[in-house]
Amino acid sequence: MTYVVTENCVKCKYTDCVEVCPVDCFYEGENFLVINPDECIDCGVCQPECPAEAIFPDSEPQGQEWAEINRQYAGQWPNITKKIAAAPDADAWKDKPGKKASLSANPAKR
């Protein structure tokens, strides 16, 4: 089992979860975060820290669909290890359904 980031993170990108990860397994896209399933130690400390409630075990239905997306982009995007500001309109996008189509494949620009 591993934890994965799911649809509710799209266009929010809160990074409270990144700050508590003991193995730095988060990777940052333009408008989304992912967890590298090969690096995640399944500790679960990230899940309660996510304000968007977007992190789930890959064994749960919400997580199964997103496991491959997390794996794919973790291999393409830069590692993020510190909390940064969320997307400017994160609160407006939080909990909106149907955000998967808005997921950008682009890596974060820093």
N, C-alpha and C. Protein backbone atom coordinates (compact mmCIF):
# COMPACT_ATOMS: atom_id res chain seq x y z
N MET A 1 0.84 -1.19 0.00
CA MET A 1 0.00 0.00 0.00
C MET A 1 0.88 1.25 0.00
N THR A 2 0.37 2.27 -0.61
CA THR A 2 1.00 3.58 -0.60
C THR A 2 -0.11 4.62 -0.56
N TYR A 3 0.24 5.82 -0.23
CA TYR A 3 -0.72 6.91 -0.29
C TYR A 3 -0.57 7.62 -1.63
N VAL A 4 -1.67 8.17 -2.13
CA VAL A 4 -1.66 8.89 -3.39
C VAL A 4 -2.47 10.17 -3.26
N VAL A 5 -2.15 11.13 -4.10
CA VAL A 5 -2.89 12.39 -4.16
C VAL A 5 -3.96 12.23 -5.23
N THR A 6 -5.15 12.72 -4.95
CA THR A 6 -6.28 12.54 -5.85
C THR A 6 -6.83 13.87 -6.35
N GLU A 7 -7.92 13.79 -7.07
CA GLU A 7 -8.50 14.91 -7.82
C GLU A 7 -8.69 16.20 -7.02
N ASN A 8 -9.01 16.11 -5.76
CA ASN A 8 -9.32 17.34 -5.03
C ASN A 8 -8.11 18.26 -4.86
N CYS A 9 -6.91 17.77 -5.15
CA CYS A 9 -5.72 18.62 -5.10
C CYS A 9 -5.58 19.49 -6.36
N VAL A 10 -6.17 19.07 -7.45
CA VAL A 10 -6.03 19.82 -8.71
C VAL A 10 -6.51 21.26 -8.50
N LYS A 11 -5.68 22.19 -8.88
CA LYS A 11 -5.92 23.63 -8.80
C LYS A 11 -5.94 24.17 -7.38
N CYS A 12 -5.61 23.34 -6.39
CA CYS A 12 -5.49 23.81 -5.01
C CYS A 12 -4.03 23.81 -4.59
N LYS A 13 -3.43 22.63 -4.65
CA LYS A 13 -2.01 22.44 -4.38
C LYS A 13 -1.59 23.02 -3.02
N TYR A 14 -2.36 22.67 -2.00
CA TYR A 14 -1.91 22.99 -0.64
C TYR A 14 -0.70 22.10 -0.36
N THR A 15 0.25 22.59 0.39
CA THR A 15 1.45 21.79 0.63
C THR A 15 1.67 21.48 2.11
N ASP A 16 0.64 21.52 2.90
CA ASP A 16 0.75 21.15 4.31
C ASP A 16 1.26 19.72 4.44
N CYS A 17 0.86 18.86 3.51
CA CYS A 17 1.25 17.46 3.50
C CYS A 17 2.74 17.30 3.27
N VAL A 18 3.29 18.12 2.42
CA VAL A 18 4.71 18.06 2.06
C VAL A 18 5.57 18.31 3.30
N GLU A 19 5.14 19.25 4.09
CA GLU A 19 5.90 19.67 5.26
C GLU A 19 6.10 18.55 6.29
N VAL A 20 5.15 17.63 6.38
CA VAL A 20 5.22 16.58 7.40
C VAL A 20 5.79 15.26 6.89
N CYS A 21 6.00 15.15 5.60
CA CYS A 21 6.47 13.88 5.02
C CYS A 21 7.91 13.58 5.48
N PRO A 22 8.11 12.45 6.16
CA PRO A 22 9.46 12.15 6.66
C PRO A 22 10.43 11.65 5.59
N VAL A 23 9.93 11.31 4.40
CA VAL A 23 10.82 10.79 3.35
C VAL A 23 10.83 11.65 2.09
N ASP A 24 10.21 12.81 2.14
CA ASP A 24 10.22 13.76 1.01
C ASP A 24 9.82 13.11 -0.31
N CYS A 25 8.66 12.46 -0.33
CA CYS A 25 8.25 11.73 -1.54
C CYS A 25 7.20 12.48 -2.37
N PHE A 26 7.04 13.78 -2.15
CA PHE A 26 6.09 14.57 -2.93
C PHE A 26 6.80 15.23 -4.12
N TYR A 27 6.07 15.32 -5.22
CA TYR A 27 6.57 15.94 -6.44
C TYR A 27 5.55 16.95 -6.91
N GLU A 28 6.04 18.04 -7.51
CA GLU A 28 5.18 19.19 -7.78
C GLU A 28 4.98 19.46 -9.26
N GLY A 29 3.72 19.49 -9.63
CA GLY A 29 3.33 19.89 -10.96
C GLY A 29 2.83 21.32 -10.95
N GLU A 30 2.48 21.79 -12.10
CA GLU A 30 2.00 23.17 -12.24
C GLU A 30 0.78 23.44 -11.35
N ASN A 31 -0.16 22.49 -11.29
CA ASN A 31 -1.36 22.73 -10.49
C ASN A 31 -1.78 21.50 -9.66
N PHE A 32 -0.81 20.65 -9.31
CA PHE A 32 -1.12 19.40 -8.63
C PHE A 32 0.14 18.85 -7.97
N LEU A 33 -0.04 18.08 -6.92
CA LEU A 33 1.07 17.37 -6.27
C LEU A 33 0.86 15.88 -6.45
N VAL A 34 1.93 15.12 -6.43
CA VAL A 34 1.83 13.65 -6.44
C VAL A 34 2.78 13.08 -5.41
N ILE A 35 2.52 11.84 -5.04
CA ILE A 35 3.38 11.09 -4.14
C ILE A 35 4.04 9.98 -4.97
N ASN A 36 5.34 9.83 -4.81
CA ASN A 36 6.04 8.74 -5.49
C ASN A 36 5.76 7.46 -4.70
N PRO A 37 5.00 6.53 -5.28
CA PRO A 37 4.64 5.32 -4.54
C PRO A 37 5.82 4.43 -4.20
N ASP A 38 6.93 4.58 -4.91
CA ASP A 38 8.12 3.79 -4.62
C ASP A 38 8.92 4.36 -3.45
N GLU A 39 8.64 5.59 -3.09
CA GLU A 39 9.34 6.24 -1.98
C GLU A 39 8.48 6.33 -0.72
N CYS A 40 7.19 6.31 -0.88
CA CYS A 40 6.25 6.44 0.25
C CYS A 40 6.43 5.25 1.19
N ILE A 41 6.51 5.53 2.49
CA ILE A 41 6.68 4.46 3.48
C ILE A 41 5.36 4.11 4.18
N ASP A 42 4.26 4.61 3.63
CA ASP A 42 2.92 4.28 4.13
C ASP A 42 2.69 4.70 5.57
N CYS A 43 3.33 5.76 6.01
CA CYS A 43 3.16 6.19 7.40
C CYS A 43 1.83 6.90 7.62
N GLY A 44 1.30 7.54 6.57
CA GLY A 44 -0.01 8.18 6.66
C GLY A 44 -0.04 9.54 7.31
N VAL A 45 1.10 10.12 7.68
CA VAL A 45 1.07 11.42 8.35
C VAL A 45 0.59 12.55 7.43
N CYS A 46 0.71 12.36 6.14
CA CYS A 46 0.28 13.39 5.19
C CYS A 46 -1.24 13.51 5.09
N GLN A 47 -1.93 12.40 5.20
CA GLN A 47 -3.37 12.38 4.95
C GLN A 47 -4.15 13.37 5.83
N PRO A 48 -3.98 13.38 7.15
CA PRO A 48 -4.77 14.32 7.96
C PRO A 48 -4.34 15.78 7.79
N GLU A 49 -3.16 16.01 7.22
CA GLU A 49 -2.67 17.38 7.04
C GLU A 49 -3.22 18.06 5.80
N CYS A 50 -3.80 17.32 4.88
CA CYS A 50 -4.28 17.87 3.62
C CYS A 50 -5.59 18.63 3.81
N PRO A 51 -5.59 19.97 3.64
CA PRO A 51 -6.81 20.75 3.80
C PRO A 51 -7.89 20.40 2.77
N ALA A 52 -7.47 19.87 1.62
CA ALA A 52 -8.43 19.52 0.57
C ALA A 52 -8.93 18.08 0.70
N GLU A 53 -8.40 17.35 1.69
CA GLU A 53 -8.76 15.94 1.87
C GLU A 53 -8.60 15.16 0.57
N ALA A 54 -7.42 15.33 -0.05
CA ALA A 54 -7.15 14.74 -1.36
C ALA A 54 -6.20 13.55 -1.31
N ILE A 55 -5.78 13.11 -0.14
CA ILE A 55 -4.82 12.02 -0.03
C ILE A 55 -5.51 10.78 0.53
N PHE A 56 -5.31 9.66 -0.18
CA PHE A 56 -5.93 8.39 0.20
C PHE A 56 -4.95 7.24 -0.02
N PRO A 57 -5.14 6.15 0.70
CA PRO A 57 -4.35 4.95 0.39
C PRO A 57 -4.75 4.43 -0.99
N ASP A 58 -3.81 3.86 -1.71
CA ASP A 58 -4.14 3.33 -3.04
C ASP A 58 -5.04 2.11 -2.96
N SER A 59 -5.26 1.60 -1.78
CA SER A 59 -6.15 0.46 -1.60
C SER A 59 -7.62 0.87 -1.51
N GLU A 60 -7.88 2.15 -1.33
CA GLU A 60 -9.25 2.66 -1.29
C GLU A 60 -9.69 3.06 -2.70
N PRO A 61 -10.99 2.99 -2.99
CA PRO A 61 -11.46 3.33 -4.34
C PRO A 61 -10.98 4.68 -4.85
N GLN A 62 -10.98 5.70 -3.99
CA GLN A 62 -10.52 7.03 -4.43
C GLN A 62 -9.06 7.00 -4.84
N GLY A 63 -8.28 6.18 -4.17
CA GLY A 63 -6.85 6.11 -4.45
C GLY A 63 -6.48 5.25 -5.62
N GLN A 64 -7.22 4.19 -5.87
CA GLN A 64 -6.89 3.26 -6.95
C GLN A 64 -6.81 3.95 -8.30
N GLU A 65 -7.77 4.80 -8.58
CA GLU A 65 -7.82 5.50 -9.86
C GLU A 65 -6.61 6.42 -10.06
N TRP A 66 -6.05 6.94 -8.98
CA TRP A 66 -4.99 7.93 -9.06
C TRP A 66 -3.58 7.37 -8.87
N ALA A 67 -3.47 6.10 -8.57
CA ALA A 67 -2.16 5.50 -8.30
C ALA A 67 -1.21 5.63 -9.49
N GLU A 68 -1.68 5.32 -10.68
CA GLU A 68 -0.82 5.39 -11.86
C GLU A 68 -0.47 6.83 -12.21
N ILE A 69 -1.39 7.75 -12.01
CA ILE A 69 -1.12 9.17 -12.26
C ILE A 69 -0.01 9.65 -11.33
N ASN A 70 -0.07 9.27 -10.06
CA ASN A 70 0.98 9.64 -9.12
C ASN A 70 2.32 9.06 -9.54
N ARG A 71 2.33 7.79 -9.93
CA ARG A 71 3.57 7.14 -10.34
C ARG A 71 4.17 7.84 -11.58
N GLN A 72 3.32 8.10 -12.55
CA GLN A 72 3.78 8.71 -13.80
C GLN A 72 4.44 10.07 -13.57
N TYR A 73 3.72 10.95 -12.87
CA TYR A 73 4.23 12.31 -12.72
C TYR A 73 5.36 12.42 -11.69
N ALA A 74 5.42 11.50 -10.74
CA ALA A 74 6.54 11.51 -9.79
C ALA A 74 7.86 11.31 -10.51
N GLY A 75 7.81 10.62 -11.64
CA GLY A 75 9.01 10.42 -12.42
C GLY A 75 9.36 11.57 -13.35
N GLN A 76 8.48 12.56 -13.44
CA GLN A 76 8.67 13.67 -14.38
C GLN A 76 8.80 15.03 -13.71
N TRP A 77 8.24 15.17 -12.53
CA TRP A 77 8.18 16.47 -11.87
C TRP A 77 9.26 16.61 -10.81
N PRO A 78 9.58 17.87 -10.43
CA PRO A 78 10.59 18.08 -9.39
C PRO A 78 10.07 17.74 -8.00
N ASN A 79 10.99 17.29 -7.17
CA ASN A 79 10.69 16.97 -5.78
C ASN A 79 10.41 18.27 -5.02
N ILE A 80 9.46 18.22 -4.11
CA ILE A 80 9.16 19.36 -3.26
C ILE A 80 9.27 18.90 -1.82
N THR A 81 9.98 19.66 -0.99
CA THR A 81 10.24 19.24 0.38
C THR A 81 9.81 20.26 1.43
N LYS A 82 9.36 21.42 0.99
CA LYS A 82 8.97 22.46 1.93
C LYS A 82 7.60 23.03 1.57
N LYS A 83 6.92 23.51 2.57
CA LYS A 83 5.62 24.13 2.36
C LYS A 83 5.79 25.43 1.58
N ILE A 84 4.92 25.61 0.60
CA ILE A 84 4.87 26.84 -0.18
C ILE A 84 3.42 27.32 -0.18
N ALA A 85 3.19 28.50 -0.70
CA ALA A 85 1.83 29.02 -0.76
C ALA A 85 0.98 28.17 -1.71
N ALA A 86 -0.26 27.97 -1.34
CA ALA A 86 -1.20 27.24 -2.19
C ALA A 86 -1.51 28.08 -3.42
N ALA A 87 -2.19 27.49 -4.37
CA ALA A 87 -2.62 28.23 -5.56
C ALA A 87 -3.43 29.44 -5.09
N PRO A 88 -3.31 30.57 -5.78
CA PRO A 88 -3.99 31.79 -5.33
C PRO A 88 -5.51 31.63 -5.14
N ASP A 89 -6.11 30.81 -5.96
CA ASP A 89 -7.56 30.62 -5.86
C ASP A 89 -7.92 29.23 -5.32
N ALA A 90 -7.02 28.68 -4.51
CA ALA A 90 -7.20 27.32 -3.98
C ALA A 90 -8.51 27.16 -3.22
N ASP A 91 -8.83 28.11 -2.38
CA ASP A 91 -10.05 27.99 -1.58
C ASP A 91 -11.31 27.96 -2.45
N ALA A 92 -11.27 28.67 -3.56
CA ALA A 92 -12.42 28.67 -4.48
C ALA A 92 -12.56 27.34 -5.21
N TRP A 93 -11.43 26.65 -5.45
CA TRP A 93 -11.45 25.38 -6.17
C TRP A 93 -11.63 24.17 -5.26
N LYS A 94 -11.34 24.36 -3.99
CA LYS A 94 -11.43 23.25 -3.03
C LYS A 94 -12.82 22.63 -3.07
N ASP A 95 -12.87 21.32 -3.15
CA ASP A 95 -14.11 20.54 -3.12
C ASP A 95 -14.97 20.63 -4.39
N LYS A 96 -14.48 21.30 -5.42
CA LYS A 96 -15.24 21.30 -6.68
C LYS A 96 -15.04 19.97 -7.38
N PRO A 97 -16.11 19.38 -7.87
CA PRO A 97 -15.97 18.09 -8.58
C PRO A 97 -15.50 18.30 -10.03
N GLY A 98 -15.05 17.23 -10.63
CA GLY A 98 -14.70 17.26 -12.05
C GLY A 98 -13.44 18.01 -12.40
N LYS A 99 -12.47 18.05 -11.50
CA LYS A 99 -11.24 18.80 -11.77
C LYS A 99 -10.18 17.99 -12.51
N LYS A 100 -10.39 16.71 -12.67
CA LYS A 100 -9.37 15.87 -13.31
C LYS A 100 -9.00 16.38 -14.70
N ALA A 101 -9.97 16.87 -15.44
CA ALA A 101 -9.71 17.38 -16.79
C ALA A 101 -8.80 18.62 -16.78
N SER A 102 -8.70 19.28 -15.63
CA SER A 102 -7.87 20.48 -15.51
C SER A 102 -6.45 20.17 -15.05
N LEU A 103 -6.14 18.92 -14.79
CA LEU A 103 -4.81 18.53 -14.34
C LEU A 103 -3.79 18.83 -15.44
N SER A 104 -2.82 19.65 -15.10
CA SER A 104 -1.75 20.00 -16.04
C SER A 104 -0.62 18.98 -15.93
N ALA A 105 -0.11 18.54 -17.06
CA ALA A 105 1.02 17.62 -17.08
C ALA A 105 2.35 18.35 -16.92
N ASN A 106 2.32 19.65 -16.90
CA ASN A 106 3.54 20.45 -16.80
C ASN A 106 4.13 20.41 -15.40
N PRO A 107 5.44 20.38 -15.29
CA PRO A 107 6.07 20.46 -13.97
C PRO A 107 5.94 21.86 -13.40
N ALA A 108 6.14 21.98 -12.10
CA ALA A 108 6.13 23.29 -11.46
C ALA A 108 7.26 24.13 -12.00
N LYS A 109 7.03 25.43 -12.02
CA LYS A 109 8.06 26.36 -12.47
C LYS A 109 8.54 27.14 -11.25
N ARG A 110 9.79 26.97 -10.92
CA ARG A 110 10.38 27.68 -9.77
C ARG A 110 11.65 28.35 -10.21
